[in-house]
């Protein structure tokens, strides 16, 4: 996210920058969902200097809202990016870590896989932990990547898998992997001497109907569900339960005066009611430009802007202001 660090004392000493920090958090969420098109991500706002190596040959002047931002880092696939805002002297980083733990991923952005993903359930991903001590605020989320076929490893040894009938491994299921992963992540956070404000965002349900993303599923509703009309899938309820259990264990583990640095952003019920808020057939830019009747893959997991996730920004601000 050393010793004796007081996040809110720090903030009070710089009260004139509260609005800037809140703007950074709001902008972070907006940027994230404009950029990402698949999987899980760790969203990490940082202070003045990003901990990643800055290659100025990548630098590009871009305009975000009313602010001039300098993009000072991106990886080859634009999945991890960092922007610096000179006028306010703050930096925002988006770090791509779909499993939060060390993983070997063998599929492309369209979900096509050439082998089973390999997950090291007891090793957190250095993509974000190597920068952890630089951050004042973190928004972390996990999710549907854990439903994919994968081999699970602990102590660098295969211990089982999820849906690997061709391999001589025990079926442990995605629930096992998700629980183990969150244990590893929250243990790292709770036992670290550095105590930024950490906000864990809960599971986001999808709204595919008449199939899944790979089998023609759609989300063409034009209005929200009424309360009680849709309770989500069983997997949604199972995974959210795991998140709440592991988060509460982490809070109990971190019995220091700074334990309040762990925040839960529970967006599940709000998101559940919004089948109308996904990008649907507009997963790609102008999908019907060449053929208005083209058959395209629908995205009923990620969200449009403006839309449902605007409420997530309000909740983040509430979590901060309540301090």
C-alpha atoms as a PDB file:
ATOM      1  CA  UNK A   1       0.000   0.000   0.000  1.00  0.00           C
ATOM      2  CA  UNK A   2       6.859   2.458   7.356  1.00  0.00           C
ATOM      3  CA  UNK A   3       6.135   1.934  10.632  1.00  0.00           C
ATOM      4  CA  UNK A   4       3.843   4.360  12.441  1.00  0.00           C
ATOM      5  CA  UNK A   5       2.424   5.685   9.164  1.00  0.00           C
ATOM      6  CA  UNK A   6      -0.807   7.548   9.778  1.00  0.00           C
ATOM      7  CA  UNK A   7      -2.853   7.935   6.589  1.00  0.00           C
ATOM      8  CA  UNK A   8      -5.465  10.300   7.977  1.00  0.00           C
ATOM      9  CA  UNK A   9      -2.924  12.387   9.923  1.00  0.00           C
ATOM     10  CA  UNK A  10      -1.109  12.790   6.645  1.00  0.00           C
ATOM     11  CA  UNK A  11      -4.299  13.772   4.951  1.00  0.00           C
ATOM     12  CA  UNK A  12      -5.236  16.281   7.615  1.00  0.00           C
ATOM     13  CA  UNK A  13      -1.839  17.959   7.326  1.00  0.00           C
ATOM     14  CA  UNK A  14      -2.597  18.428   3.668  1.00  0.00           C
ATOM     15  CA  UNK A  15      -6.266  19.208   3.871  1.00  0.00           C
ATOM     16  CA  UNK A  16      -6.000  21.570   0.940  1.00  0.00           C
ATOM     17  CA  UNK A  17      -5.365  18.545  -1.277  1.00  0.00           C
ATOM     18  CA  UNK A  18      -8.422  16.528  -0.241  1.00  0.00           C
ATOM     19  CA  UNK A  19     -10.382  17.524  -3.305  1.00  0.00           C
ATOM     20  CA  UNK A  20      -7.466  16.575  -5.522  1.00  0.00           C
ATOM     21  CA  UNK A  21      -7.163  13.119  -3.976  1.00  0.00           C
ATOM     22  CA  UNK A  22     -10.908  12.516  -4.287  1.00  0.00           C
ATOM     23  CA  UNK A  23     -10.776  13.621  -7.906  1.00  0.00           C
ATOM     24  CA  UNK A  24      -7.975  11.139  -8.455  1.00  0.00           C
ATOM     25  CA  UNK A  25     -10.073   8.298  -7.082  1.00  0.00           C
ATOM     26  CA  UNK A  26     -13.084   9.220  -9.190  1.00  0.00           C
ATOM     27  CA  UNK A  27     -11.003   9.668 -12.306  1.00  0.00           C
ATOM     28  CA  UNK A  28      -9.289   6.347 -11.642  1.00  0.00           C
ATOM     29  CA  UNK A  29     -12.536   4.418 -11.841  1.00  0.00           C
ATOM     30  CA  UNK A  30     -13.606   6.267 -14.989  1.00  0.00           C
ATOM     31  CA  UNK A  31     -10.289   5.678 -16.737  1.00  0.00           C
ATOM     32  CA  UNK A  32     -10.277   2.038 -15.765  1.00  0.00           C
ATOM     33  CA  UNK A  33     -13.563   1.152 -17.334  1.00  0.00           C
ATOM     34  CA  UNK A  34     -12.830   3.111 -20.459  1.00  0.00           C
ATOM     35  CA  UNK A  35      -9.577   1.238 -20.954  1.00  0.00           C
ATOM     36  CA  UNK A  36     -10.247  -2.299 -19.854  1.00  0.00           C
ATOM     37  CA  UNK A  37     -12.019  -4.786 -22.060  1.00  0.00           C
ATOM     38  CA  UNK A  38     -11.525  -8.006 -20.165  1.00  0.00           C
ATOM     39  CA  UNK A  39     -10.672  -9.657 -16.885  1.00  0.00           C
ATOM     40  CA  UNK A  40      -9.601  -8.383 -13.532  1.00  0.00           C
ATOM     41  CA  UNK A  41      -7.490  -5.516 -12.633  1.00  0.00           C
ATOM     42  CA  UNK A  42      -5.868  -3.905  -9.693  1.00  0.00           C
ATOM     43  CA  UNK A  43      -6.474  -0.176  -9.628  1.00  0.00           C
ATOM     44  CA  UNK A  44      -3.775   1.692  -7.820  1.00  0.00           C
ATOM     45  CA  UNK A  45      -3.608   5.464  -7.387  1.00  0.00           C
ATOM     46  CA  UNK A  46      -0.141   6.573  -6.365  1.00  0.00           C
ATOM     47  CA  UNK A  47       1.588   9.736  -5.117  1.00  0.00           C
ATOM     48  CA  UNK A  48       4.111  11.846  -6.964  1.00  0.00           C
ATOM     49  CA  UNK A  49       6.416   9.262  -8.518  1.00  0.00           C
ATOM     50  CA  UNK A  50       5.306   5.944 -10.016  1.00  0.00           C
ATOM     51  CA  UNK A  51       7.351   2.947  -8.900  1.00  0.00           C
ATOM     52  CA  UNK A  52       7.438   1.574 -12.430  1.00  0.00           C
ATOM     53  CA  UNK A  53      10.388   2.350 -14.670  1.00  0.00           C
ATOM     54  CA  UNK A  54       9.447   5.451 -16.644  1.00  0.00           C
ATOM     55  CA  UNK A  55      10.338   5.396 -20.320  1.00  0.00           C
ATOM     56  CA  UNK A  56       9.858   8.910 -21.663  1.00  0.00           C
ATOM     57  CA  UNK A  57       9.798   7.613 -25.228  1.00  0.00           C
ATOM     58  CA  UNK A  58       6.280   6.418 -24.423  1.00  0.00           C
ATOM     59  CA  UNK A  59       5.139   9.809 -23.089  1.00  0.00           C
ATOM     60  CA  UNK A  60       2.040  11.221 -24.734  1.00  0.00           C
ATOM     61  CA  UNK A  61       0.052  14.355 -23.954  1.00  0.00           C
ATOM     62  CA  UNK A  62      -3.596  13.434 -23.523  1.00  0.00           C
ATOM     63  CA  UNK A  63      -6.612  15.348 -22.239  1.00  0.00           C
ATOM     64  CA  UNK A  64      -8.780  13.715 -19.589  1.00  0.00           C
ATOM     65  CA  UNK A  65     -11.807  15.797 -18.692  1.00  0.00           C
ATOM     66  CA  UNK A  66     -10.640  19.319 -17.905  1.00  0.00           C
ATOM     67  CA  UNK A  67      -7.141  18.198 -16.871  1.00  0.00           C
ATOM     68  CA  UNK A  68      -3.997  17.876 -18.927  1.00  0.00           C
ATOM     69  CA  UNK A  69      -2.414  14.519 -18.177  1.00  0.00           C
ATOM     70  CA  UNK A  70       0.922  13.150 -19.259  1.00  0.00           C
ATOM     71  CA  UNK A  71       0.949   9.423 -19.899  1.00  0.00           C
ATOM     72  CA  UNK A  72       4.346   8.402 -18.583  1.00  0.00           C
ATOM     73  CA  UNK A  73       4.122   4.642 -18.859  1.00  0.00           C
ATOM     74  CA  UNK A  74       2.240   1.917 -20.656  1.00  0.00           C
ATOM     75  CA  UNK A  75       3.019  -1.678 -21.390  1.00  0.00           C
ATOM     76  CA  UNK A  76       2.944  -3.144 -24.877  1.00  0.00           C
ATOM     77  CA  UNK A  77      -0.726  -4.101 -24.682  1.00  0.00           C
ATOM     78  CA  UNK A  78      -1.896  -0.942 -22.888  1.00  0.00           C
ATOM     79  CA  UNK A  79      -3.112  -3.010 -19.952  1.00  0.00           C
ATOM     80  CA  UNK A  80      -0.901  -1.315 -17.361  1.00  0.00           C
ATOM     81  CA  UNK A  81      -0.735   2.461 -17.617  1.00  0.00           C
ATOM     82  CA  UNK A  82       0.379   5.453 -15.555  1.00  0.00           C
ATOM     83  CA  UNK A  83      -0.614   9.108 -15.871  1.00  0.00           C
ATOM     84  CA  UNK A  84       0.867  12.125 -14.123  1.00  0.00           C
ATOM     85  CA  UNK A  85      -1.100  15.349 -13.585  1.00  0.00           C
ATOM     86  CA  UNK A  86       1.500  18.124 -13.209  1.00  0.00           C
ATOM     87  CA  UNK A  87      -1.005  20.841 -12.316  1.00  0.00           C
ATOM     88  CA  UNK A  88      -2.034  18.915  -9.193  1.00  0.00           C
ATOM     89  CA  UNK A  89       1.135  16.863  -8.706  1.00  0.00           C
ATOM     90  CA  UNK A  90      -0.470  13.463  -8.421  1.00  0.00           C
ATOM     91  CA  UNK A  91      -0.150  10.218 -10.316  1.00  0.00           C
ATOM     92  CA  UNK A  92      -2.639   7.478 -11.177  1.00  0.00           C
ATOM     93  CA  UNK A  93      -1.602   3.947 -12.072  1.00  0.00           C
ATOM     94  CA  UNK A  94      -3.653   1.159 -13.554  1.00  0.00           C
ATOM     95  CA  UNK A  95      -1.944  -2.188 -12.990  1.00  0.00           C
ATOM     96  CA  UNK A  96      -2.980  -5.281 -14.889  1.00  0.00           C
ATOM     97  CA  UNK A  97      -3.024  -8.280 -12.565  1.00  0.00           C
ATOM     98  CA  UNK A  98      -6.050 -10.402 -13.488  1.00  0.00           C
ATOM     99  CA  UNK A  99      -5.509 -13.023 -10.792  1.00  0.00           C
ATOM    100  CA  UNK A 100      -3.781 -10.798  -8.169  1.00  0.00           C
ATOM    101  CA  UNK A 101      -1.324 -13.660  -7.694  1.00  0.00           C
ATOM    102  CA  UNK A 102       1.555 -14.955  -9.796  1.00  0.00           C
ATOM    103  CA  UNK A 103       0.117 -16.526 -12.927  1.00  0.00           C
ATOM    104  CA  UNK A 104       1.106 -17.841 -16.327  1.00  0.00           C
ATOM    105  CA  UNK A 105      -1.712 -16.922 -18.703  1.00  0.00           C
ATOM    106  CA  UNK A 106      -2.118 -18.743 -22.001  1.00  0.00           C
ATOM    107  CA  UNK A 107      -5.041 -17.021 -23.696  1.00  0.00           C
ATOM    108  CA  UNK A 108      -5.678 -13.928 -25.766  1.00  0.00           C
ATOM    109  CA  UNK A 109      -8.142 -11.076 -25.262  1.00  0.00           C
ATOM    110  CA  UNK A 110     -10.889 -13.011 -27.032  1.00  0.00           C
ATOM    111  CA  UNK A 111     -10.697 -15.834 -24.497  1.00  0.00           C
ATOM    112  CA  UNK A 112      -8.992 -18.255 -26.876  1.00  0.00           C
ATOM    113  CA  UNK A 113      -6.636 -20.490 -24.922  1.00  0.00           C
ATOM    114  CA  UNK A 114      -3.750 -22.666 -26.054  1.00  0.00           C
ATOM    115  CA  UNK A 115      -3.204 -24.230 -22.615  1.00  0.00           C
ATOM    116  CA  UNK A 116      -4.470 -24.134 -19.043  1.00  0.00           C
ATOM    117  CA  UNK A 117      -3.605 -21.022 -17.043  1.00  0.00           C
ATOM    118  CA  UNK A 118      -1.242 -21.755 -14.150  1.00  0.00           C
ATOM    119  CA  UNK A 119      -1.948 -20.014 -10.839  1.00  0.00           C
ATOM    120  CA  UNK A 120       0.481 -19.856  -7.902  1.00  0.00           C
ATOM    121  CA  UNK A 121      -2.095 -19.535  -5.129  1.00  0.00           C
ATOM    122  CA  UNK A 122       0.439 -18.750  -2.404  1.00  0.00           C
ATOM    123  CA  UNK A 123       2.437 -16.071  -4.274  1.00  0.00           C
ATOM    124  CA  UNK A 124       1.065 -12.556  -4.789  1.00  0.00           C
ATOM    125  CA  UNK A 125       1.777 -10.885  -8.097  1.00  0.00           C
ATOM    126  CA  UNK A 126       4.875  -8.671  -8.185  1.00  0.00           C
ATOM    127  CA  UNK A 127       3.200  -6.473 -10.777  1.00  0.00           C
ATOM    128  CA  UNK A 128       1.445  -4.708  -7.910  1.00  0.00           C
ATOM    129  CA  UNK A 129       3.324  -5.744  -4.764  1.00  0.00           C
ATOM    130  CA  UNK A 130       6.607  -4.337  -6.090  1.00  0.00           C
ATOM    131  CA  UNK A 131       4.948  -0.905  -6.169  1.00  0.00           C
ATOM    132  CA  UNK A 132       2.878  -1.287  -3.018  1.00  0.00           C
ATOM    133  CA  UNK A 133       4.940   1.011  -0.788  1.00  0.00           C
ATOM    134  CA  UNK A 134       4.471   3.898  -3.202  1.00  0.00           C
ATOM    135  CA  UNK A 135       0.696   4.073  -2.969  1.00  0.00           C
ATOM    136  CA  UNK A 136      -1.543   6.219  -0.772  1.00  0.00           C
ATOM    137  CA  UNK A 137      -4.777   4.675  -2.051  1.00  0.00           C
ATOM    138  CA  UNK A 138      -5.568   1.344  -3.673  1.00  0.00           C
ATOM    139  CA  UNK A 139      -8.726  -0.029  -5.230  1.00  0.00           C
ATOM    140  CA  UNK A 140      -8.425  -3.793  -5.673  1.00  0.00           C
ATOM    141  CA  UNK A 141     -10.850  -6.167  -7.349  1.00  0.00           C
ATOM    142  CA  UNK A 142     -10.935  -9.801  -8.353  1.00  0.00           C
ATOM    143  CA  UNK A 143     -13.480 -11.751 -10.301  1.00  0.00           C
ATOM    144  CA  UNK A 144     -14.492 -13.855 -13.263  1.00  0.00           C
ATOM    145  CA  UNK A 145     -11.000 -14.817 -14.418  1.00  0.00           C
ATOM    146  CA  UNK A 146     -11.117 -17.444 -11.687  1.00  0.00           C
ATOM    147  CA  UNK A 147     -13.915 -19.260 -13.522  1.00  0.00           C
ATOM    148  CA  UNK A 148     -11.520 -20.121 -16.331  1.00  0.00           C
ATOM    149  CA  UNK A 149      -9.746 -23.467 -16.729  1.00  0.00           C
ATOM    150  CA  UNK A 150      -6.575 -23.414 -14.644  1.00  0.00           C
ATOM    151  CA  UNK A 151      -3.956 -25.525 -12.914  1.00  0.00           C
ATOM    152  CA  UNK A 152      -3.395 -24.613  -9.262  1.00  0.00           C
ATOM    153  CA  UNK A 153       0.053 -24.574  -7.686  1.00  0.00           C
ATOM    154  CA  UNK A 154       1.337 -24.157  -4.136  1.00  0.00           C
ATOM    155  CA  UNK A 155       5.036 -24.220  -3.236  1.00  0.00           C
ATOM    156  CA  UNK A 156       5.642 -24.491  -7.000  1.00  0.00           C
ATOM    157  CA  UNK A 157       3.881 -27.867  -7.034  1.00  0.00           C
ATOM    158  CA  UNK A 158       0.667 -28.802  -8.815  1.00  0.00           C
ATOM    159  CA  UNK A 159      -2.066 -29.388  -6.228  1.00  0.00           C
ATOM    160  CA  UNK A 160      -5.135 -29.570  -8.452  1.00  0.00           C
ATOM    161  CA  UNK A 161      -7.083 -27.704 -11.072  1.00  0.00           C
ATOM    162  CA  UNK A 162     -10.391 -26.403 -12.309  1.00  0.00           C
ATOM    163  CA  UNK A 163     -11.866 -28.231 -15.306  1.00  0.00           C
ATOM    164  CA  UNK A 164      -8.832 -30.060 -16.650  1.00  0.00           C
ATOM    165  CA  UNK A 165     -10.198 -33.491 -17.716  1.00  0.00           C
ATOM    166  CA  UNK A 166      -7.122 -34.227 -19.840  1.00  0.00           C
ATOM    167  CA  UNK A 167      -4.756 -33.841 -16.905  1.00  0.00           C
ATOM    168  CA  UNK A 168      -4.166 -36.265 -14.063  1.00  0.00           C
ATOM    169  CA  UNK A 169      -5.060 -33.714 -11.382  1.00  0.00           C
ATOM    170  CA  UNK A 170      -7.761 -33.455  -8.736  1.00  0.00           C
ATOM    171  CA  UNK A 171     -10.653 -31.107  -9.427  1.00  0.00           C
ATOM    172  CA  UNK A 172     -10.465 -28.471  -6.676  1.00  0.00           C
ATOM    173  CA  UNK A 173     -12.811 -25.929  -8.237  1.00  0.00           C
ATOM    174  CA  UNK A 174     -12.628 -22.181  -8.637  1.00  0.00           C
ATOM    175  CA  UNK A 175     -13.973 -21.642  -5.104  1.00  0.00           C
ATOM    176  CA  UNK A 176     -10.805 -23.166  -3.679  1.00  0.00           C
ATOM    177  CA  UNK A 177      -8.589 -20.969  -5.862  1.00  0.00           C
ATOM    178  CA  UNK A 178     -10.502 -17.768  -5.097  1.00  0.00           C
ATOM    179  CA  UNK A 179     -10.429 -18.349  -1.352  1.00  0.00           C
ATOM    180  CA  UNK A 180      -6.712 -19.183  -1.378  1.00  0.00           C
ATOM    181  CA  UNK A 181      -5.906 -16.165  -3.549  1.00  0.00           C
ATOM    182  CA  UNK A 182      -7.774 -13.701  -1.352  1.00  0.00           C
ATOM    183  CA  UNK A 183      -6.092 -15.186   1.716  1.00  0.00           C
ATOM    184  CA  UNK A 184      -2.712 -14.503   0.118  1.00  0.00           C
ATOM    185  CA  UNK A 185      -3.652 -10.976  -0.952  1.00  0.00           C
ATOM    186  CA  UNK A 186      -5.220  -9.922   2.341  1.00  0.00           C
ATOM    187  CA  UNK A 187      -2.410 -11.510   4.348  1.00  0.00           C
ATOM    188  CA  UNK A 188       0.077  -9.411   2.393  1.00  0.00           C
ATOM    189  CA  UNK A 189      -1.974  -6.271   2.998  1.00  0.00           C
ATOM    190  CA  UNK A 190      -2.683  -6.910   6.682  1.00  0.00           C
ATOM    191  CA  UNK A 191       0.891  -7.796   7.605  1.00  0.00           C
ATOM    192  CA  UNK A 192       2.579  -5.038   5.620  1.00  0.00           C
ATOM    193  CA  UNK A 193       4.037  -2.152   7.617  1.00  0.00           C
ATOM    194  CA  UNK A 194       2.887   0.278   4.949  1.00  0.00           C
ATOM    195  CA  UNK A 195      -0.783   1.185   5.442  1.00  0.00           C
ATOM    196  CA  UNK A 196      -2.402   2.986   2.534  1.00  0.00           C
ATOM    197  CA  UNK A 197      -6.161   3.249   2.254  1.00  0.00           C
ATOM    198  CA  UNK A 198      -7.170  -0.035   0.609  1.00  0.00           C
ATOM    199  CA  UNK A 199     -10.614  -0.412  -0.904  1.00  0.00           C
ATOM    200  CA  UNK A 200     -11.649  -3.894  -1.995  1.00  0.00           C
ATOM    201  CA  UNK A 201     -14.387  -3.884  -4.612  1.00  0.00           C
ATOM    202  CA  UNK A 202     -16.655  -6.923  -4.539  1.00  0.00           C
ATOM    203  CA  UNK A 203     -17.678  -9.331  -7.261  1.00  0.00           C
ATOM    204  CA  UNK A 204     -19.426  -7.803 -10.286  1.00  0.00           C
ATOM    205  CA  UNK A 205     -22.153 -10.070 -11.740  1.00  0.00           C
ATOM    206  CA  UNK A 206     -22.685 -10.480 -15.454  1.00  0.00           C
ATOM    207  CA  UNK A 207     -26.065 -10.392 -17.187  1.00  0.00           C
ATOM    208  CA  UNK A 208     -25.725 -12.803 -20.100  1.00  0.00           C
ATOM    209  CA  UNK A 209     -29.015 -14.302 -21.284  1.00  0.00           C
ATOM    210  CA  UNK A 210     -29.662 -17.046 -23.847  1.00  0.00           C
ATOM    211  CA  UNK A 211     -26.038 -18.169 -23.661  1.00  0.00           C
ATOM    212  CA  UNK A 212     -22.623 -17.105 -22.406  1.00  0.00           C
ATOM    213  CA  UNK A 213     -20.013 -14.813 -23.931  1.00  0.00           C
ATOM    214  CA  UNK A 214     -18.756 -17.644 -26.141  1.00  0.00           C
ATOM    215  CA  UNK A 215     -22.157 -19.069 -27.101  1.00  0.00           C
ATOM    216  CA  UNK A 216     -24.245 -16.155 -28.298  1.00  0.00           C
ATOM    217  CA  UNK A 217     -25.318 -14.697 -24.966  1.00  0.00           C
ATOM    218  CA  UNK A 218     -26.855 -11.218 -25.046  1.00  0.00           C
ATOM    219  CA  UNK A 219     -27.860  -8.453 -22.662  1.00  0.00           C
ATOM    220  CA  UNK A 220     -30.432  -6.390 -24.536  1.00  0.00           C
ATOM    221  CA  UNK A 221     -32.657  -5.226 -21.696  1.00  0.00           C
ATOM    222  CA  UNK A 222     -33.339  -1.494 -21.717  1.00  0.00           C
ATOM    223  CA  UNK A 223     -34.293  -0.948 -18.073  1.00  0.00           C
ATOM    224  CA  UNK A 224     -33.013  -1.988 -14.623  1.00  0.00           C
ATOM    225  CA  UNK A 225     -34.447  -4.942 -12.748  1.00  0.00           C
ATOM    226  CA  UNK A 226     -36.851  -4.244  -9.947  1.00  0.00           C
ATOM    227  CA  UNK A 227     -35.694  -5.193  -6.447  1.00  0.00           C
ATOM    228  CA  UNK A 228     -36.027  -8.967  -6.028  1.00  0.00           C
ATOM    229  CA  UNK A 229     -36.557  -9.617  -9.730  1.00  0.00           C
ATOM    230  CA  UNK A 230     -33.094 -11.085 -10.241  1.00  0.00           C
ATOM    231  CA  UNK A 231     -30.853 -12.610  -7.564  1.00  0.00           C
ATOM    232  CA  UNK A 232     -27.867 -13.419  -9.743  1.00  0.00           C
ATOM    233  CA  UNK A 233     -26.389 -16.782 -10.558  1.00  0.00           C
ATOM    234  CA  UNK A 234     -25.293 -19.293  -7.951  1.00  0.00           C
ATOM    235  CA  UNK A 235     -21.657 -18.623  -8.808  1.00  0.00           C
ATOM    236  CA  UNK A 236     -22.182 -14.916  -8.046  1.00  0.00           C
ATOM    237  CA  UNK A 237     -23.501 -15.648  -4.561  1.00  0.00           C
ATOM    238  CA  UNK A 238     -20.765 -18.210  -3.856  1.00  0.00           C
ATOM    239  CA  UNK A 239     -17.909 -15.943  -4.907  1.00  0.00           C
ATOM    240  CA  UNK A 240     -19.247 -12.901  -3.061  1.00  0.00           C
ATOM    241  CA  UNK A 241     -19.591 -15.006   0.095  1.00  0.00           C
ATOM    242  CA  UNK A 242     -15.926 -16.005  -0.212  1.00  0.00           C
ATOM    243  CA  UNK A 243     -14.927 -12.355  -0.597  1.00  0.00           C
ATOM    244  CA  UNK A 244     -16.826 -11.244   2.493  1.00  0.00           C
ATOM    245  CA  UNK A 245     -15.384 -14.087   4.578  1.00  0.00           C
ATOM    246  CA  UNK A 246     -11.792 -13.391   3.557  1.00  0.00           C
ATOM    247  CA  UNK A 247     -12.150  -9.630   3.929  1.00  0.00           C
ATOM    248  CA  UNK A 248     -13.510 -10.007   7.466  1.00  0.00           C
ATOM    249  CA  UNK A 249     -10.642 -12.352   8.333  1.00  0.00           C
ATOM    250  CA  UNK A 250      -8.177  -9.740   7.088  1.00  0.00           C
ATOM    251  CA  UNK A 251      -9.754  -7.021   9.220  1.00  0.00           C
ATOM    252  CA  UNK A 252      -9.591  -9.306  12.256  1.00  0.00           C
ATOM    253  CA  UNK A 253      -5.944 -10.138  11.507  1.00  0.00           C
ATOM    254  CA  UNK A 254      -4.892  -6.491  11.263  1.00  0.00           C
ATOM    255  CA  UNK A 255      -5.557  -5.539  14.886  1.00  0.00           C
ATOM    256  CA  UNK A 256      -3.504  -2.364  14.769  1.00  0.00           C
ATOM    257  CA  UNK A 257      -4.624   1.208  15.245  1.00  0.00           C
ATOM    258  CA  UNK A 258      -4.546   1.488  11.472  1.00  0.00           C
ATOM    259  CA  UNK A 259      -6.843  -1.475  10.764  1.00  0.00           C
ATOM    260  CA  UNK A 260      -9.442   0.973   9.450  1.00  0.00           C
ATOM    261  CA  UNK A 261      -7.318   1.381   6.327  1.00  0.00           C
ATOM    262  CA  UNK A 262      -9.177  -1.671   4.932  1.00  0.00           C
ATOM    263  CA  UNK A 263     -12.438  -0.653   3.262  1.00  0.00           C
ATOM    264  CA  UNK A 264     -15.083  -2.756   1.542  1.00  0.00           C
ATOM    265  CA  UNK A 265     -16.714  -1.355  -1.584  1.00  0.00           C
ATOM    266  CA  UNK A 266     -19.708  -3.669  -1.874  1.00  0.00           C
ATOM    267  CA  UNK A 267     -21.216  -2.948  -5.278  1.00  0.00           C
ATOM    268  CA  UNK A 268     -22.826  -6.354  -5.751  1.00  0.00           C
ATOM    269  CA  UNK A 269     -26.496  -5.549  -5.132  1.00  0.00           C
ATOM    270  CA  UNK A 270     -26.334  -2.270  -7.045  1.00  0.00           C
ATOM    271  CA  UNK A 271     -24.721  -3.952 -10.034  1.00  0.00           C
ATOM    272  CA  UNK A 272     -27.124  -6.877  -9.914  1.00  0.00           C
ATOM    273  CA  UNK A 273     -30.023  -4.578 -10.801  1.00  0.00           C
ATOM    274  CA  UNK A 274     -28.438  -3.165 -13.974  1.00  0.00           C
ATOM    275  CA  UNK A 275     -28.677  -5.600 -16.914  1.00  0.00           C
ATOM    276  CA  UNK A 276     -29.142  -2.529 -19.099  1.00  0.00           C
ATOM    277  CA  UNK A 277     -25.761  -0.999 -18.234  1.00  0.00           C
ATOM    278  CA  UNK A 278     -23.371  -3.231 -20.199  1.00  0.00           C
ATOM    279  CA  UNK A 279     -21.737  -2.511 -23.529  1.00  0.00           C
ATOM    280  CA  UNK A 280     -23.507  -5.449 -25.191  1.00  0.00           C
ATOM    281  CA  UNK A 281     -22.604  -5.652 -28.888  1.00  0.00           C
ATOM    282  CA  UNK A 282     -20.392  -2.551 -28.584  1.00  0.00           C
ATOM    283  CA  UNK A 283     -17.436  -4.441 -27.194  1.00  0.00           C
ATOM    284  CA  UNK A 284     -15.529  -3.359 -30.284  1.00  0.00           C
ATOM    285  CA  UNK A 285     -15.480   0.095 -31.829  1.00  0.00           C
ATOM    286  CA  UNK A 286     -18.282   0.596 -34.382  1.00  0.00           C
ATOM    287  CA  UNK A 287     -19.170  -3.114 -34.695  1.00  0.00           C
ATOM    288  CA  UNK A 288     -21.905  -2.506 -37.294  1.00  0.00           C
ATOM    289  CA  UNK A 289     -20.053   0.036 -39.423  1.00  0.00           C
ATOM    290  CA  UNK A 290     -19.496  -2.342 -42.322  1.00  0.00           C
ATOM    291  CA  UNK A 291     -22.518  -4.610 -41.843  1.00  0.00           C
ATOM    292  CA  UNK A 292     -25.538  -3.504 -39.811  1.00  0.00           C
ATOM    293  CA  UNK A 293     -26.607  -7.161 -39.497  1.00  0.00           C
ATOM    294  CA  UNK A 294     -23.202  -8.479 -38.443  1.00  0.00           C
ATOM    295  CA  UNK A 295     -23.108 -11.134 -35.730  1.00  0.00           C
ATOM    296  CA  UNK A 296     -20.871  -9.852 -32.979  1.00  0.00           C
ATOM    297  CA  UNK A 297     -19.787 -11.052 -29.553  1.00  0.00           C
ATOM    298  CA  UNK A 298     -21.705  -9.353 -26.744  1.00  0.00           C
ATOM    299  CA  UNK A 299     -20.062  -8.051 -23.571  1.00  0.00           C
ATOM    300  CA  UNK A 300     -22.481  -8.418 -20.676  1.00  0.00           C
ATOM    301  CA  UNK A 301     -19.832  -8.235 -17.954  1.00  0.00           C
ATOM    302  CA  UNK A 302     -18.109  -4.859 -18.364  1.00  0.00           C
ATOM    303  CA  UNK A 303     -19.905  -1.534 -18.045  1.00  0.00           C
ATOM    304  CA  UNK A 304     -20.715   1.494 -20.169  1.00  0.00           C
ATOM    305  CA  UNK A 305     -19.980   5.108 -19.266  1.00  0.00           C
ATOM    306  CA  UNK A 306     -21.873   6.993 -18.072  1.00  0.00           C
ATOM    307  CA  UNK A 307     -23.758   4.282 -16.236  1.00  0.00           C
ATOM    308  CA  UNK A 308     -23.986   2.030 -13.235  1.00  0.00           C
ATOM    309  CA  UNK A 309     -20.394   2.476 -12.137  1.00  0.00           C
ATOM    310  CA  UNK A 310     -20.955   6.191 -11.539  1.00  0.00           C
ATOM    311  CA  UNK A 311     -22.564   5.031  -8.294  1.00  0.00           C
ATOM    312  CA  UNK A 312     -19.318   3.231  -7.414  1.00  0.00           C
ATOM    313  CA  UNK A 313     -17.548   6.614  -7.500  1.00  0.00           C
ATOM    314  CA  UNK A 314     -20.084   8.012  -5.049  1.00  0.00           C
ATOM    315  CA  UNK A 315     -19.479   5.090  -2.716  1.00  0.00           C
ATOM    316  CA  UNK A 316     -15.706   5.560  -2.869  1.00  0.00           C
ATOM    317  CA  UNK A 317     -16.115   9.211  -1.952  1.00  0.00           C
ATOM    318  CA  UNK A 318     -18.449   8.264   0.897  1.00  0.00           C
ATOM    319  CA  UNK A 319     -15.912   5.782   2.268  1.00  0.00           C
ATOM    320  CA  UNK A 320     -13.239   8.473   2.289  1.00  0.00           C
ATOM    321  CA  UNK A 321     -15.371  11.308   3.619  1.00  0.00           C
ATOM    322  CA  UNK A 322     -16.748   9.188   6.452  1.00  0.00           C
ATOM    323  CA  UNK A 323     -13.271   9.163   7.951  1.00  0.00           C
END
